[in-house]
Amino acid sequence: MSTTRLTWRINAPRARVYRALLDPRAEFETTDPVLEGEMTITYTLADSPGGTEVHAVHDGLPPGVPAADNEAGWRMSLAKLAALVEAAGESRPR
C-alpha cells in the first residue's frame, strides 16, 4: 500500500473551505469493494496569506491503484474544491 500527499493553495478563507468539505450535499462513491475499509484520508487546513493551504494525505492506497493516477485524481478534486469555494466568495456582496 502507498500514500499520496498533496498541498493545494485555495484563495478562500479556511472556514469556507472547511464548510465545503463537510457539505452534506457532497457525494462520495467507491465502486471497487477491494478499496473499501483500508484507506484513510486526512485533510489539514492552514491559514495562508489571502487564503488556505489544504494538505491532503491519502493512506492505504492498494497496490492495484497506480500512485500517479491517484495523484492526478486528487489534483482534479482539489482544483474543483478551489473553484467551488473561490466562486462562492465572488458571489457575495462586498
N, C-alpha and C. Protein backbone atom coordinates (compact mmCIF):
# COMPACT_ATOMS: atom_id res chain seq x y z
N MET A 1 0.85 -1.18 0.00
CA MET A 1 0.00 0.00 0.00
C MET A 1 0.88 1.23 0.00
N SER A 2 0.39 2.29 -0.64
CA SER A 2 1.17 3.53 -0.72
C SER A 2 0.36 4.71 -0.19
N THR A 3 1.00 5.85 -0.19
CA THR A 3 0.40 7.09 0.32
C THR A 3 0.55 8.19 -0.72
N THR A 4 -0.49 8.96 -0.90
CA THR A 4 -0.45 10.16 -1.74
C THR A 4 -0.53 11.37 -0.82
N ARG A 5 0.38 12.33 -1.02
CA ARG A 5 0.39 13.57 -0.24
C ARG A 5 0.39 14.75 -1.21
N LEU A 6 -0.51 15.68 -0.96
CA LEU A 6 -0.60 16.88 -1.80
C LEU A 6 -0.86 18.11 -0.95
N THR A 7 -0.36 19.23 -1.41
CA THR A 7 -0.69 20.52 -0.81
C THR A 7 -1.24 21.39 -1.93
N TRP A 8 -2.36 22.05 -1.65
CA TRP A 8 -3.04 22.88 -2.66
C TRP A 8 -3.41 24.20 -2.00
N ARG A 9 -3.11 25.30 -2.65
CA ARG A 9 -3.47 26.62 -2.12
C ARG A 9 -4.78 27.07 -2.73
N ILE A 10 -5.70 27.50 -1.86
CA ILE A 10 -7.02 27.94 -2.29
C ILE A 10 -7.21 29.38 -1.83
N ASN A 11 -7.69 30.22 -2.75
CA ASN A 11 -7.90 31.63 -2.45
C ASN A 11 -9.27 31.84 -1.80
N ALA A 12 -9.41 31.29 -0.61
CA ALA A 12 -10.65 31.42 0.16
C ALA A 12 -10.30 31.20 1.62
N PRO A 13 -11.08 31.78 2.52
CA PRO A 13 -10.81 31.60 3.95
C PRO A 13 -10.95 30.14 4.38
N ARG A 14 -10.20 29.77 5.40
CA ARG A 14 -10.19 28.41 5.90
C ARG A 14 -11.59 27.94 6.28
N ALA A 15 -12.39 28.80 6.90
CA ALA A 15 -13.74 28.41 7.32
C ALA A 15 -14.60 28.02 6.12
N ARG A 16 -14.47 28.71 5.00
CA ARG A 16 -15.26 28.39 3.81
C ARG A 16 -14.82 27.06 3.21
N VAL A 17 -13.52 26.81 3.20
CA VAL A 17 -13.01 25.53 2.69
C VAL A 17 -13.51 24.39 3.57
N TYR A 18 -13.44 24.58 4.87
CA TYR A 18 -13.89 23.57 5.82
C TYR A 18 -15.36 23.24 5.62
N ARG A 19 -16.18 24.29 5.48
CA ARG A 19 -17.62 24.07 5.26
C ARG A 19 -17.87 23.28 3.98
N ALA A 20 -17.12 23.58 2.94
CA ALA A 20 -17.29 22.87 1.67
C ALA A 20 -16.93 21.39 1.81
N LEU A 21 -15.90 21.09 2.59
CA LEU A 21 -15.52 19.69 2.79
C LEU A 21 -16.57 18.92 3.57
N LEU A 22 -17.33 19.62 4.40
CA LEU A 22 -18.36 18.96 5.22
C LEU A 22 -19.77 19.07 4.64
N ASP A 23 -19.90 19.66 3.48
CA ASP A 23 -21.21 19.89 2.87
C ASP A 23 -21.95 18.56 2.71
N PRO A 24 -23.13 18.42 3.32
CA PRO A 24 -23.86 17.16 3.24
C PRO A 24 -24.36 16.84 1.83
N ARG A 25 -24.35 17.81 0.93
CA ARG A 25 -24.77 17.54 -0.45
C ARG A 25 -23.66 16.88 -1.26
N ALA A 26 -22.44 16.83 -0.70
CA ALA A 26 -21.33 16.19 -1.41
C ALA A 26 -21.58 14.70 -1.51
N GLU A 27 -21.16 14.12 -2.60
CA GLU A 27 -21.33 12.70 -2.82
C GLU A 27 -19.97 12.03 -2.94
N PHE A 28 -19.82 10.90 -2.28
CA PHE A 28 -18.61 10.13 -2.34
C PHE A 28 -19.00 8.71 -2.71
N GLU A 29 -18.33 8.15 -3.67
CA GLU A 29 -18.69 6.83 -4.13
C GLU A 29 -17.44 5.99 -4.31
N THR A 30 -17.48 4.78 -3.80
CA THR A 30 -16.42 3.81 -4.03
C THR A 30 -17.03 2.68 -4.83
N THR A 31 -16.49 2.42 -6.01
CA THR A 31 -17.08 1.41 -6.87
C THR A 31 -16.37 0.07 -6.76
N ASP A 32 -15.21 0.02 -6.16
CA ASP A 32 -14.44 -1.22 -6.04
C ASP A 32 -14.43 -1.67 -4.59
N PRO A 33 -15.10 -2.77 -4.25
CA PRO A 33 -15.16 -3.20 -2.85
C PRO A 33 -13.78 -3.54 -2.28
N VAL A 34 -12.81 -3.84 -3.13
CA VAL A 34 -11.45 -4.13 -2.64
C VAL A 34 -10.84 -2.89 -1.99
N LEU A 35 -11.27 -1.71 -2.44
CA LEU A 35 -10.68 -0.46 -1.94
C LEU A 35 -11.28 -0.02 -0.62
N GLU A 36 -12.40 -0.59 -0.22
CA GLU A 36 -13.08 -0.14 0.98
C GLU A 36 -12.43 -0.69 2.25
N GLY A 37 -12.46 0.11 3.32
CA GLY A 37 -12.09 -0.36 4.64
C GLY A 37 -10.63 -0.20 5.04
N GLU A 38 -9.73 -0.02 4.10
CA GLU A 38 -8.29 0.04 4.44
C GLU A 38 -7.72 1.44 4.29
N MET A 39 -8.41 2.30 3.60
CA MET A 39 -7.85 3.62 3.30
C MET A 39 -8.28 4.66 4.31
N THR A 40 -7.43 5.66 4.51
CA THR A 40 -7.80 6.83 5.31
C THR A 40 -7.39 8.07 4.54
N ILE A 41 -8.20 9.09 4.67
CA ILE A 41 -7.93 10.38 4.05
C ILE A 41 -7.94 11.42 5.15
N THR A 42 -6.88 12.22 5.20
CA THR A 42 -6.76 13.26 6.21
C THR A 42 -6.54 14.60 5.52
N TYR A 43 -7.34 15.58 5.92
CA TYR A 43 -7.17 16.95 5.44
C TYR A 43 -6.65 17.78 6.61
N THR A 44 -5.68 18.63 6.33
CA THR A 44 -5.23 19.63 7.29
C THR A 44 -5.35 20.98 6.59
N LEU A 45 -6.04 21.91 7.22
CA LEU A 45 -6.23 23.24 6.65
C LEU A 45 -5.40 24.24 7.45
N ALA A 46 -4.66 25.07 6.74
CA ALA A 46 -3.81 26.07 7.39
C ALA A 46 -4.04 27.42 6.73
N ASP A 47 -4.13 28.46 7.57
CA ASP A 47 -4.24 29.81 7.02
C ASP A 47 -2.99 30.13 6.21
N SER A 48 -3.21 30.80 5.10
CA SER A 48 -2.13 31.22 4.21
C SER A 48 -2.49 32.65 3.79
N PRO A 49 -1.53 33.50 3.51
CA PRO A 49 -1.87 34.87 3.12
C PRO A 49 -2.90 34.89 1.99
N GLY A 50 -4.07 35.45 2.26
CA GLY A 50 -5.12 35.55 1.26
C GLY A 50 -5.89 34.27 1.01
N GLY A 51 -5.67 33.25 1.81
CA GLY A 51 -6.39 32.01 1.55
C GLY A 51 -6.07 30.89 2.52
N THR A 52 -6.08 29.68 1.99
CA THR A 52 -5.93 28.47 2.79
C THR A 52 -5.03 27.49 2.07
N GLU A 53 -4.15 26.84 2.81
CA GLU A 53 -3.40 25.71 2.28
C GLU A 53 -4.11 24.44 2.73
N VAL A 54 -4.41 23.58 1.78
CA VAL A 54 -5.04 22.30 2.07
C VAL A 54 -3.96 21.23 1.90
N HIS A 55 -3.70 20.50 2.98
CA HIS A 55 -2.78 19.38 2.94
C HIS A 55 -3.64 18.12 2.97
N ALA A 56 -3.54 17.31 1.94
CA ALA A 56 -4.33 16.09 1.85
C ALA A 56 -3.40 14.89 1.86
N VAL A 57 -3.73 13.91 2.71
CA VAL A 57 -2.96 12.67 2.79
C VAL A 57 -3.94 11.51 2.60
N HIS A 58 -3.63 10.68 1.63
CA HIS A 58 -4.45 9.51 1.32
C HIS A 58 -3.59 8.28 1.60
N ASP A 59 -3.81 7.67 2.76
CA ASP A 59 -3.04 6.49 3.19
C ASP A 59 -3.76 5.20 2.82
N GLY A 60 -2.96 4.16 2.61
CA GLY A 60 -3.52 2.83 2.38
C GLY A 60 -3.98 2.59 0.96
N LEU A 61 -3.37 3.27 0.01
CA LEU A 61 -3.72 3.06 -1.39
C LEU A 61 -3.31 1.65 -1.80
N PRO A 62 -4.24 0.83 -2.27
CA PRO A 62 -3.91 -0.57 -2.61
C PRO A 62 -2.93 -0.65 -3.78
N PRO A 63 -2.19 -1.75 -3.86
CA PRO A 63 -1.18 -1.91 -4.91
C PRO A 63 -1.76 -1.85 -6.33
N GLY A 64 -3.01 -2.18 -6.52
CA GLY A 64 -3.60 -2.17 -7.85
C GLY A 64 -3.93 -0.79 -8.39
N VAL A 65 -3.80 0.24 -7.56
CA VAL A 65 -4.11 1.61 -7.98
C VAL A 65 -2.79 2.35 -8.19
N PRO A 66 -2.49 2.75 -9.43
CA PRO A 66 -1.23 3.46 -9.67
C PRO A 66 -1.19 4.79 -8.91
N ALA A 67 -0.09 5.04 -8.22
CA ALA A 67 0.06 6.26 -7.43
C ALA A 67 -0.11 7.51 -8.30
N ALA A 68 0.41 7.47 -9.53
CA ALA A 68 0.30 8.63 -10.42
C ALA A 68 -1.17 8.92 -10.76
N ASP A 69 -1.95 7.87 -10.97
CA ASP A 69 -3.37 8.06 -11.27
C ASP A 69 -4.10 8.62 -10.05
N ASN A 70 -3.77 8.12 -8.87
CA ASN A 70 -4.39 8.62 -7.65
C ASN A 70 -4.06 10.09 -7.45
N GLU A 71 -2.80 10.45 -7.66
CA GLU A 71 -2.40 11.85 -7.51
C GLU A 71 -3.12 12.73 -8.52
N ALA A 72 -3.24 12.27 -9.75
CA ALA A 72 -3.96 13.05 -10.77
C ALA A 72 -5.42 13.27 -10.36
N GLY A 73 -6.04 12.23 -9.81
CA GLY A 73 -7.41 12.36 -9.33
C GLY A 73 -7.53 13.36 -8.20
N TRP A 74 -6.57 13.31 -7.28
CA TRP A 74 -6.55 14.27 -6.18
C TRP A 74 -6.40 15.69 -6.70
N ARG A 75 -5.50 15.89 -7.65
CA ARG A 75 -5.31 17.24 -8.21
C ARG A 75 -6.60 17.76 -8.84
N MET A 76 -7.29 16.90 -9.55
CA MET A 76 -8.57 17.32 -10.14
C MET A 76 -9.59 17.66 -9.06
N SER A 77 -9.66 16.83 -8.02
CA SER A 77 -10.62 17.07 -6.94
C SER A 77 -10.33 18.37 -6.20
N LEU A 78 -9.06 18.60 -5.89
CA LEU A 78 -8.70 19.82 -5.17
C LEU A 78 -8.90 21.06 -6.03
N ALA A 79 -8.68 20.93 -7.34
CA ALA A 79 -8.94 22.06 -8.23
C ALA A 79 -10.44 22.38 -8.26
N LYS A 80 -11.28 21.34 -8.25
CA LYS A 80 -12.74 21.56 -8.20
C LYS A 80 -13.16 22.19 -6.88
N LEU A 81 -12.57 21.73 -5.79
CA LEU A 81 -12.86 22.33 -4.48
C LEU A 81 -12.48 23.80 -4.50
N ALA A 82 -11.30 24.11 -5.03
CA ALA A 82 -10.86 25.51 -5.11
C ALA A 82 -11.83 26.34 -5.94
N ALA A 83 -12.22 25.84 -7.10
CA ALA A 83 -13.15 26.57 -7.95
C ALA A 83 -14.47 26.82 -7.24
N LEU A 84 -14.95 25.83 -6.50
CA LEU A 84 -16.22 25.96 -5.78
C LEU A 84 -16.15 27.04 -4.71
N VAL A 85 -15.15 26.99 -3.86
CA VAL A 85 -15.11 27.94 -2.74
C VAL A 85 -14.64 29.31 -3.17
N GLU A 86 -13.81 29.38 -4.19
CA GLU A 86 -13.39 30.70 -4.68
C GLU A 86 -14.55 31.40 -5.37
N ALA A 87 -15.36 30.66 -6.12
CA ALA A 87 -16.54 31.25 -6.78
C ALA A 87 -17.56 31.69 -5.75
N ALA A 88 -17.69 30.94 -4.66
CA ALA A 88 -18.65 31.31 -3.60
C ALA A 88 -18.29 32.66 -3.00
N GLY A 89 -17.03 32.96 -2.90
CA GLY A 89 -16.60 34.24 -2.36
C GLY A 89 -16.87 35.39 -3.29
N GLU A 90 -16.79 35.12 -4.60
CA GLU A 90 -17.03 36.17 -5.59
C GLU A 90 -18.50 36.55 -5.69
N SER A 91 -19.40 35.62 -5.33
CA SER A 91 -20.82 35.90 -5.47
C SER A 91 -21.39 36.66 -4.28
N ARG A 92 -20.59 36.82 -3.24
CA ARG A 92 -21.07 37.55 -2.06
C ARG A 92 -20.91 39.04 -2.25
N PRO A 93 -21.88 39.83 -1.77
CA PRO A 93 -21.72 41.29 -1.84
C PRO A 93 -20.59 41.73 -0.93
N ARG A 94 -19.89 42.75 -1.37
CA ARG A 94 -18.75 43.24 -0.58
C ARG A 94 -19.06 44.58 0.03
